[in-house]
Amino acid sequence: MRLFKLLSVGCLSLISLASHAETLNNLYQVREPVSSQAPDERNQATLRALDTLVLRLTGDAKAAQSPGLAAIRKDPQQIILQYGYEAGPPESLQVDFDPASTDRALRSAGLSLWGANRPSILGWWLNDSAEGSSLVGDGQASATPLRRAAQHRGLPLHLPLADLSEQIVATAPNLEGNDPAPLREVSERYGSDALLAVHAKEEGGQWQATWRLWLGDQREQGSAQGGDPAALADAVMLAVSQRLAPRFVAKPGVATEQLLEVQGMNLERYAALGRLLEPFGGQLQRVEGDVIVYKVNGSAEQLKAQLALAKLQEMPVGEIVVPPPVAQPAADGAISPQPTPAPAPNLRFRW
């Protein structure tokens, strides 16, 4: 294995990755509103935080009630690093969970995880209320509940500037339409992986919204309701998270062992690929020059979706690029038996 050679070459020639996926640094930090700092209230908020985290990591609304997590639910402190209170409104309990022990507990319960490397989302959010229509832009006060909801549900959300040129395009017909072309054109400068279009309306003191999400060639859509803008934002982000998660979370009993070959490696790409393959238990098998082979566990569709976040291009499975080991002469000049050829990769990609 010539991993040292790969790393050395990468040190000499680091190039910027054409990837917009983001690693969420606060994925294991959860905030839950509280009405007081009483012990009972804190315990209830801690359980809610655990439920939020499990849903955030698995995308499965029933995962928190898994029998394998009964001990954790009885004593969440065993996977908590620290907690504290944040002033409101509303006042919140912030719980910082330990990533290593949390992941270990969830996997021991038979649950598969969605890693911290997730598709970045550009949100086009149009609010209609008695005061009129307004496109939510980065830096506006109306952006705060959207950002909080995205963090709460484990989504890397970005918002546009909402300048005049974007307001002309981000109209209700375009946000509710099935053709993302108008939005994609004005979204190019932001370089996100996915587009989220939301048209929210206030009627009779209640908020409701229709939303559409485009990631690559795939589209998801739905509707949501909430008593106020914050509740609506959380409902939309929860729905989006649950639609995205199945593309990246390998369900128990569905994942299969795959050999993945990637060409065009260097040091920066080696680090990025390792992060992408974390949810699939990536194990390095062999390296030859700028070609690397990993053993991973997951469906081909989920692996392709994950690698698409880094803009890797799929190649046909054919000739093996990494050559098999060569037989070496023995000390007496005799030729040793031919080594067993390395198994061929199931999936092949290149940068």
Protein backbone atom coordinates (compact mmCIF):
# COMPACT_ATOMS: atom_id res chain seq x y z
CA MET A 1 0.00 0.00 0.00
CA ARG A 2 1.41 3.35 -0.98
CA LEU A 3 -0.59 5.62 1.26
CA PHE A 4 2.52 7.65 2.14
CA LYS A 5 3.01 8.41 -1.55
CA LEU A 6 -0.60 9.53 -1.86
CA LEU A 7 -0.30 11.86 1.11
CA SER A 8 3.01 13.24 -0.11
CA VAL A 9 1.60 14.03 -3.52
CA GLY A 10 -1.40 15.67 -1.87
CA CYS A 11 0.84 17.89 0.25
CA LEU A 12 2.53 19.22 -2.88
CA SER A 13 -0.67 19.88 -4.80
CA LEU A 14 -3.76 20.85 -2.82
CA ILE A 15 -6.68 22.06 -4.88
CA SER A 16 -10.06 23.37 -3.84
CA LEU A 17 -12.81 20.77 -3.84
CA ALA A 18 -15.88 21.41 -5.96
CA SER A 19 -18.11 20.50 -3.05
CA HIS A 20 -20.71 22.54 -1.25
CA ALA A 21 -21.73 19.94 1.31
CA GLU A 22 -21.13 21.13 4.85
CA THR A 23 -19.94 19.48 8.02
CA LEU A 24 -22.27 20.53 10.84
CA ASN A 25 -20.12 21.36 13.84
CA ASN A 26 -23.13 21.76 16.16
CA LEU A 27 -24.89 18.57 15.16
CA TYR A 28 -24.75 17.18 18.72
CA GLN A 29 -25.87 20.41 20.39
CA VAL A 30 -29.61 20.70 21.05
CA ARG A 31 -31.68 23.57 22.44
CA GLU A 32 -35.13 23.00 23.92
CA PRO A 33 -37.41 25.75 25.31
CA VAL A 34 -38.18 25.65 29.04
CA SER A 35 -40.60 27.58 31.25
CA SER A 36 -38.31 27.44 34.32
CA GLN A 37 -35.05 26.01 35.62
CA ALA A 38 -36.77 23.61 38.00
CA PRO A 39 -35.29 20.08 38.09
CA ASP A 40 -38.44 18.44 36.71
CA GLU A 41 -38.58 20.90 33.83
CA ARG A 42 -34.89 20.33 33.13
CA ASN A 43 -35.35 16.55 33.07
CA GLN A 44 -38.27 16.81 30.67
CA ALA A 45 -36.34 19.18 28.41
CA THR A 46 -33.35 16.82 28.46
CA LEU A 47 -35.54 13.96 27.23
CA ARG A 48 -36.94 16.19 24.49
CA ALA A 49 -33.39 17.10 23.52
CA LEU A 50 -32.50 13.40 23.31
CA ASP A 51 -35.53 12.74 21.09
CA THR A 52 -34.58 15.69 18.87
CA LEU A 53 -31.01 14.44 18.53
CA VAL A 54 -32.01 10.86 17.71
CA LEU A 55 -34.40 12.09 15.03
CA ARG A 56 -31.73 14.45 13.72
CA LEU A 57 -29.19 11.62 13.43
CA THR A 58 -31.46 8.88 12.08
CA GLY A 59 -34.29 10.61 10.24
CA ASP A 60 -36.63 8.08 11.88
CA ALA A 61 -39.44 9.49 14.03
CA LYS A 62 -39.78 6.15 15.85
CA ALA A 63 -36.08 5.63 16.55
CA ALA A 64 -36.10 7.39 19.93
CA GLN A 65 -38.53 4.77 21.25
CA SER A 66 -36.31 1.87 20.21
CA PRO A 67 -35.98 -0.75 22.97
CA GLY A 68 -32.22 -0.56 22.55
CA LEU A 69 -32.28 3.04 23.82
CA ALA A 70 -34.27 2.31 26.98
CA ALA A 71 -31.20 2.59 29.21
CA ILE A 72 -30.17 5.87 27.59
CA ARG A 73 -33.65 7.33 28.03
CA LYS A 74 -33.62 6.31 31.68
CA ASP A 75 -30.26 8.02 32.22
CA PRO A 76 -29.36 10.44 29.39
CA GLN A 77 -26.48 11.83 31.45
CA GLN A 78 -24.26 8.96 30.30
CA ILE A 79 -24.01 10.51 26.82
CA ILE A 80 -24.16 14.21 27.83
CA LEU A 81 -21.06 16.38 28.05
CA GLN A 82 -22.67 19.46 29.56
CA TYR A 83 -25.82 21.56 29.66
CA GLY A 84 -26.73 25.14 30.45
CA TYR A 85 -29.44 27.72 30.06
CA GLU A 86 -29.78 30.42 27.42
CA ALA A 87 -31.81 33.58 27.94
CA GLY A 88 -34.86 34.04 25.74
CA PRO A 89 -37.32 34.64 24.64
CA PRO A 90 -37.89 31.80 24.93
CA GLU A 91 -35.47 30.60 27.59
CA SER A 92 -33.83 27.37 26.45
CA LEU A 93 -31.90 24.46 27.87
CA GLN A 94 -28.81 23.78 25.75
CA VAL A 95 -27.59 20.19 25.89
CA ASP A 96 -24.22 19.18 24.43
CA PHE A 97 -24.13 15.45 23.73
CA ASP A 98 -20.89 13.50 23.36
CA PRO A 99 -20.60 12.46 19.69
CA ALA A 100 -18.61 9.27 20.27
CA SER A 101 -20.75 7.81 23.05
CA THR A 102 -23.97 8.92 21.33
CA ASP A 103 -23.05 7.23 18.05
CA ARG A 104 -21.98 4.10 19.91
CA ALA A 105 -25.27 3.94 21.80
CA LEU A 106 -27.36 4.41 18.66
CA ARG A 107 -25.44 1.79 16.70
CA SER A 108 -25.69 -0.64 19.62
CA ALA A 109 -29.45 -0.13 19.44
CA GLY A 110 -29.38 -1.24 15.80
CA LEU A 111 -29.85 2.26 14.36
CA SER A 112 -28.01 3.64 11.36
CA LEU A 113 -26.86 7.23 11.29
CA TRP A 114 -26.80 10.19 8.98
CA GLY A 115 -23.33 11.72 9.28
CA ALA A 116 -22.40 15.34 9.92
CA ASN A 117 -21.56 15.96 6.26
CA ARG A 118 -24.87 17.10 4.77
CA PRO A 119 -26.10 18.88 1.65
CA SER A 120 -26.18 22.66 1.91
CA ILE A 121 -29.63 24.13 1.25
CA LEU A 122 -30.46 27.52 -0.21
CA GLY A 123 -33.85 28.57 1.10
CA TRP A 124 -36.20 30.77 -0.91
CA TRP A 125 -38.90 31.65 1.63
CA LEU A 126 -41.78 33.99 0.76
CA ASN A 127 -44.08 35.18 3.56
CA ASP A 128 -47.61 36.44 2.82
CA SER A 129 -49.36 38.21 5.69
CA ALA A 130 -51.70 41.12 6.33
CA GLU A 131 -48.70 43.44 5.95
CA GLY A 132 -47.99 42.13 2.44
CA SER A 133 -45.49 39.77 0.80
CA SER A 134 -41.80 39.64 1.71
CA LEU A 135 -38.91 37.44 0.66
CA VAL A 136 -36.80 36.41 3.65
CA GLY A 137 -33.22 37.48 3.15
CA ASP A 138 -29.94 36.91 4.93
CA GLY A 139 -29.58 39.34 7.82
CA GLN A 140 -33.29 40.11 8.18
CA ALA A 141 -35.07 39.62 11.49
CA SER A 142 -37.45 37.20 9.77
CA ALA A 143 -34.47 34.93 9.03
CA THR A 144 -33.91 34.13 12.73
CA PRO A 145 -36.70 31.53 13.13
CA LEU A 146 -35.60 29.84 9.89
CA ARG A 147 -32.00 29.53 11.05
CA ARG A 148 -33.05 28.24 14.47
CA ALA A 149 -35.37 25.67 12.91
CA ALA A 150 -32.68 24.49 10.50
CA GLN A 151 -30.17 24.08 13.34
CA HIS A 152 -32.79 22.29 15.43
CA ARG A 153 -33.38 19.77 12.64
CA GLY A 154 -29.74 19.36 11.60
CA LEU A 155 -29.84 21.12 8.22
CA PRO A 156 -27.21 23.53 6.82
CA LEU A 157 -29.52 26.31 5.61
CA HIS A 158 -28.43 29.43 3.72
CA LEU A 159 -30.59 32.35 2.71
CA PRO A 160 -30.27 34.65 -0.31
CA LEU A 161 -29.62 38.37 -0.13
CA ALA A 162 -33.21 39.01 -1.25
CA ASP A 163 -32.18 42.00 -3.33
CA LEU A 164 -34.45 43.48 -5.99
CA SER A 165 -33.25 41.16 -8.75
CA GLU A 166 -34.05 38.13 -6.60
CA GLN A 167 -37.42 39.45 -5.43
CA ILE A 168 -38.47 39.72 -9.07
CA VAL A 169 -37.75 36.00 -9.58
CA ALA A 170 -38.77 34.53 -6.21
CA THR A 171 -42.49 35.04 -6.77
CA ALA A 172 -45.31 32.81 -5.58
CA PRO A 173 -45.81 31.18 -9.02
CA ASN A 174 -42.10 30.31 -9.28
CA LEU A 175 -41.93 29.03 -5.70
CA GLU A 176 -45.00 26.85 -6.20
CA GLY A 177 -44.11 25.71 -9.70
CA ASN A 178 -42.61 22.38 -10.69
CA ASP A 179 -39.84 23.89 -12.82
CA PRO A 180 -36.83 24.97 -10.74
CA ALA A 181 -35.07 26.67 -13.68
CA PRO A 182 -35.87 30.29 -12.68
CA LEU A 183 -34.66 29.73 -9.12
CA ARG A 184 -31.60 27.79 -10.21
CA GLU A 185 -30.46 30.66 -12.39
CA VAL A 186 -30.47 33.19 -9.53
CA SER A 187 -29.09 30.57 -7.12
CA GLU A 188 -25.88 29.88 -9.03
CA ARG A 189 -23.85 32.52 -7.18
CA TYR A 190 -24.57 30.83 -3.83
CA GLY A 191 -23.30 27.39 -4.85
CA SER A 192 -25.57 25.25 -2.68
CA ASP A 193 -26.40 21.58 -3.19
CA ALA A 194 -30.17 21.86 -2.83
CA LEU A 195 -32.91 24.44 -3.40
CA LEU A 196 -35.79 24.83 -0.98
CA ALA A 197 -38.77 26.92 -2.13
CA VAL A 198 -41.38 27.81 0.50
CA HIS A 199 -44.52 29.92 0.16
CA ALA A 200 -45.91 30.69 3.62
CA LYS A 201 -49.26 32.35 4.30
CA GLU A 202 -50.94 33.69 7.43
CA GLU A 203 -54.67 33.09 7.65
CA GLY A 204 -56.77 33.62 10.75
CA GLY A 205 -53.78 33.81 13.04
CA GLN A 206 -52.37 30.48 11.76
CA TRP A 207 -49.51 29.89 9.35
CA GLN A 208 -49.37 27.31 6.60
CA ALA A 209 -46.93 26.69 3.79
CA THR A 210 -46.26 24.63 0.70
CA TRP A 211 -42.67 23.66 0.05
CA ARG A 212 -40.58 22.09 -2.69
CA LEU A 213 -37.05 20.75 -2.47
CA TRP A 214 -34.72 20.02 -5.37
CA LEU A 215 -31.51 18.03 -4.90
CA GLY A 216 -29.96 17.11 -8.20
CA ASP A 217 -32.67 15.73 -10.46
CA GLN A 218 -34.90 14.67 -7.58
CA ARG A 219 -37.76 16.70 -6.14
CA GLU A 220 -39.65 16.47 -2.87
CA GLN A 221 -42.68 18.51 -1.88
CA GLY A 222 -45.20 18.87 0.90
CA SER A 223 -47.15 21.20 3.14
CA ALA A 224 -46.83 22.28 6.76
CA GLN A 225 -48.69 24.25 9.42
CA GLY A 226 -47.77 26.18 12.55
CA GLY A 227 -49.24 28.54 15.09
CA ASP A 228 -46.55 31.16 14.43
CA PRO A 229 -43.59 31.66 12.04
CA ALA A 230 -41.21 29.76 14.33
CA ALA A 231 -43.49 26.72 14.60
CA LEU A 232 -44.05 26.74 10.84
CA ALA A 233 -40.33 26.95 10.15
CA ASP A 234 -39.67 23.98 12.43
CA ALA A 235 -42.42 21.95 10.76
CA VAL A 236 -40.97 22.63 7.30
CA MET A 237 -37.40 21.83 8.34
CA LEU A 238 -38.52 18.62 10.05
CA ALA A 239 -40.33 17.49 6.91
CA VAL A 240 -37.34 18.33 4.72
CA SER A 241 -34.97 16.47 7.04
CA GLN A 242 -37.13 13.36 7.01
CA ARG A 243 -37.30 13.40 3.22
CA LEU A 244 -33.53 13.81 2.84
CA ALA A 245 -32.41 11.31 5.47
CA PRO A 246 -33.43 8.11 3.59
CA ARG A 247 -31.05 9.06 0.78
CA PHE A 248 -28.07 9.00 3.13
CA VAL A 249 -28.98 6.69 6.05
CA ALA A 250 -28.46 2.99 5.40
CA LYS A 251 -31.28 1.11 7.10
CA PRO A 252 -30.37 -2.00 9.13
CA GLY A 253 -30.76 -5.12 7.01
CA VAL A 254 -30.63 -3.13 3.78
CA ALA A 255 -26.98 -2.11 3.71
CA THR A 256 -24.64 -4.35 1.72
CA GLU A 257 -20.88 -4.51 1.55
CA GLN A 258 -19.44 -2.60 -1.41
CA LEU A 259 -15.96 -1.99 -2.79
CA LEU A 260 -15.59 1.64 -3.84
CA GLU A 261 -12.78 2.83 -6.11
CA VAL A 262 -12.04 6.55 -6.42
CA GLN A 263 -9.54 8.06 -8.87
CA GLY A 264 -7.78 11.41 -8.75
CA MET A 265 -6.94 11.39 -5.03
CA ASN A 266 -4.71 13.81 -3.12
CA LEU A 267 -4.40 14.77 0.54
CA GLU A 268 -7.31 17.22 0.63
CA ARG A 269 -9.56 14.82 -1.22
CA TYR A 270 -8.48 11.96 1.03
CA ALA A 271 -9.68 13.90 4.09
CA ALA A 272 -12.93 14.92 2.39
CA LEU A 273 -13.66 11.37 1.22
CA GLY A 274 -13.08 10.03 4.70
CA ARG A 275 -15.72 12.39 6.09
CA LEU A 276 -18.17 11.47 3.34
CA LEU A 277 -17.79 7.75 4.02
CA GLU A 278 -18.03 7.92 7.82
CA PRO A 279 -21.75 6.95 7.90
CA PHE A 280 -20.93 3.89 5.78
CA GLY A 281 -18.08 2.61 7.96
CA GLY A 282 -15.48 3.23 5.24
CA GLN A 283 -12.36 1.02 5.60
CA LEU A 284 -9.30 1.71 3.47
CA GLN A 285 -8.33 -1.39 1.45
CA ARG A 286 -5.55 -0.36 -0.89
CA VAL A 287 -3.91 2.62 -2.62
CA GLU A 288 -1.98 2.83 -5.88
CA GLY A 289 -0.84 6.25 -7.00
CA ASP A 290 -3.88 8.54 -7.06
CA VAL A 291 -6.37 5.63 -6.94
CA ILE A 292 -7.88 4.44 -3.67
CA VAL A 293 -10.23 1.57 -2.77
CA TYR A 294 -12.54 1.53 0.27
CA LYS A 295 -14.78 -1.16 1.70
CA VAL A 296 -18.09 0.39 2.73
CA ASN A 297 -21.51 -0.74 3.93
CA GLY A 298 -24.57 0.79 2.28
CA SER A 299 -26.78 0.61 -0.75
CA ALA A 300 -25.38 1.75 -4.08
CA GLU A 301 -28.05 4.46 -4.30
CA GLN A 302 -27.14 5.94 -0.91
CA LEU A 303 -23.43 5.87 -1.66
CA LYS A 304 -24.01 7.61 -4.98
CA ALA A 305 -26.10 10.30 -3.27
CA GLN A 306 -23.39 10.87 -0.66
CA LEU A 307 -20.57 11.08 -3.20
CA ALA A 308 -22.60 13.45 -5.35
CA LEU A 309 -22.28 16.00 -2.54
CA ALA A 310 -18.57 16.23 -3.39
CA LYS A 311 -19.34 16.36 -7.13
CA LEU A 312 -17.63 13.02 -7.82
CA GLN A 313 -18.39 11.55 -11.23
CA GLU A 314 -19.44 7.93 -11.54
CA MET A 315 -17.51 5.72 -13.93
CA PRO A 316 -18.52 2.40 -15.48
CA VAL A 317 -17.39 -0.69 -13.62
CA GLY A 318 -14.89 -2.36 -15.92
CA GLU A 319 -11.16 -2.70 -15.97
CA ILE A 320 -9.55 -2.59 -12.53
CA VAL A 321 -7.36 0.49 -12.22
CA VAL A 322 -5.57 -0.68 -9.08
CA PRO A 323 -3.36 -3.56 -10.36
CA PRO A 324 -3.27 -6.89 -8.55
CA PRO A 325 -0.15 -7.75 -6.55
CA VAL A 326 2.81 -9.00 -8.60
CA ALA A 327 4.47 -12.34 -7.79
CA GLN A 328 8.03 -11.87 -6.46
CA PRO A 329 10.91 -14.31 -7.09
CA ALA A 330 11.92 -16.41 -4.09
CA ALA A 331 15.46 -16.37 -2.75
CA ASP A 332 16.40 -19.48 -4.77
CA GLY A 333 15.17 -17.92 -8.00
CA ALA A 334 11.92 -19.86 -8.14
CA ILE A 335 8.74 -17.96 -8.83
CA SER A 336 6.33 -17.81 -5.91
CA PRO A 337 2.70 -18.77 -6.51
CA GLN A 338 0.64 -16.06 -8.18
CA PRO A 339 -1.13 -13.97 -5.51
CA THR A 340 -4.89 -14.04 -5.45
CA PRO A 341 -6.22 -11.16 -7.57
CA ALA A 342 -7.79 -8.31 -5.65
CA PRO A 343 -11.59 -8.26 -5.86
CA ALA A 344 -13.01 -5.83 -8.39
CA PRO A 345 -14.78 -2.70 -7.07
CA ASN A 346 -18.57 -2.56 -7.24
CA LEU A 347 -18.54 1.21 -7.70
CA ARG A 348 -16.05 3.48 -9.44
CA PHE A 349 -15.84 7.28 -9.22
CA ARG A 350 -13.39 10.03 -10.06
CA TRP A 351 -12.93 13.63 -9.00
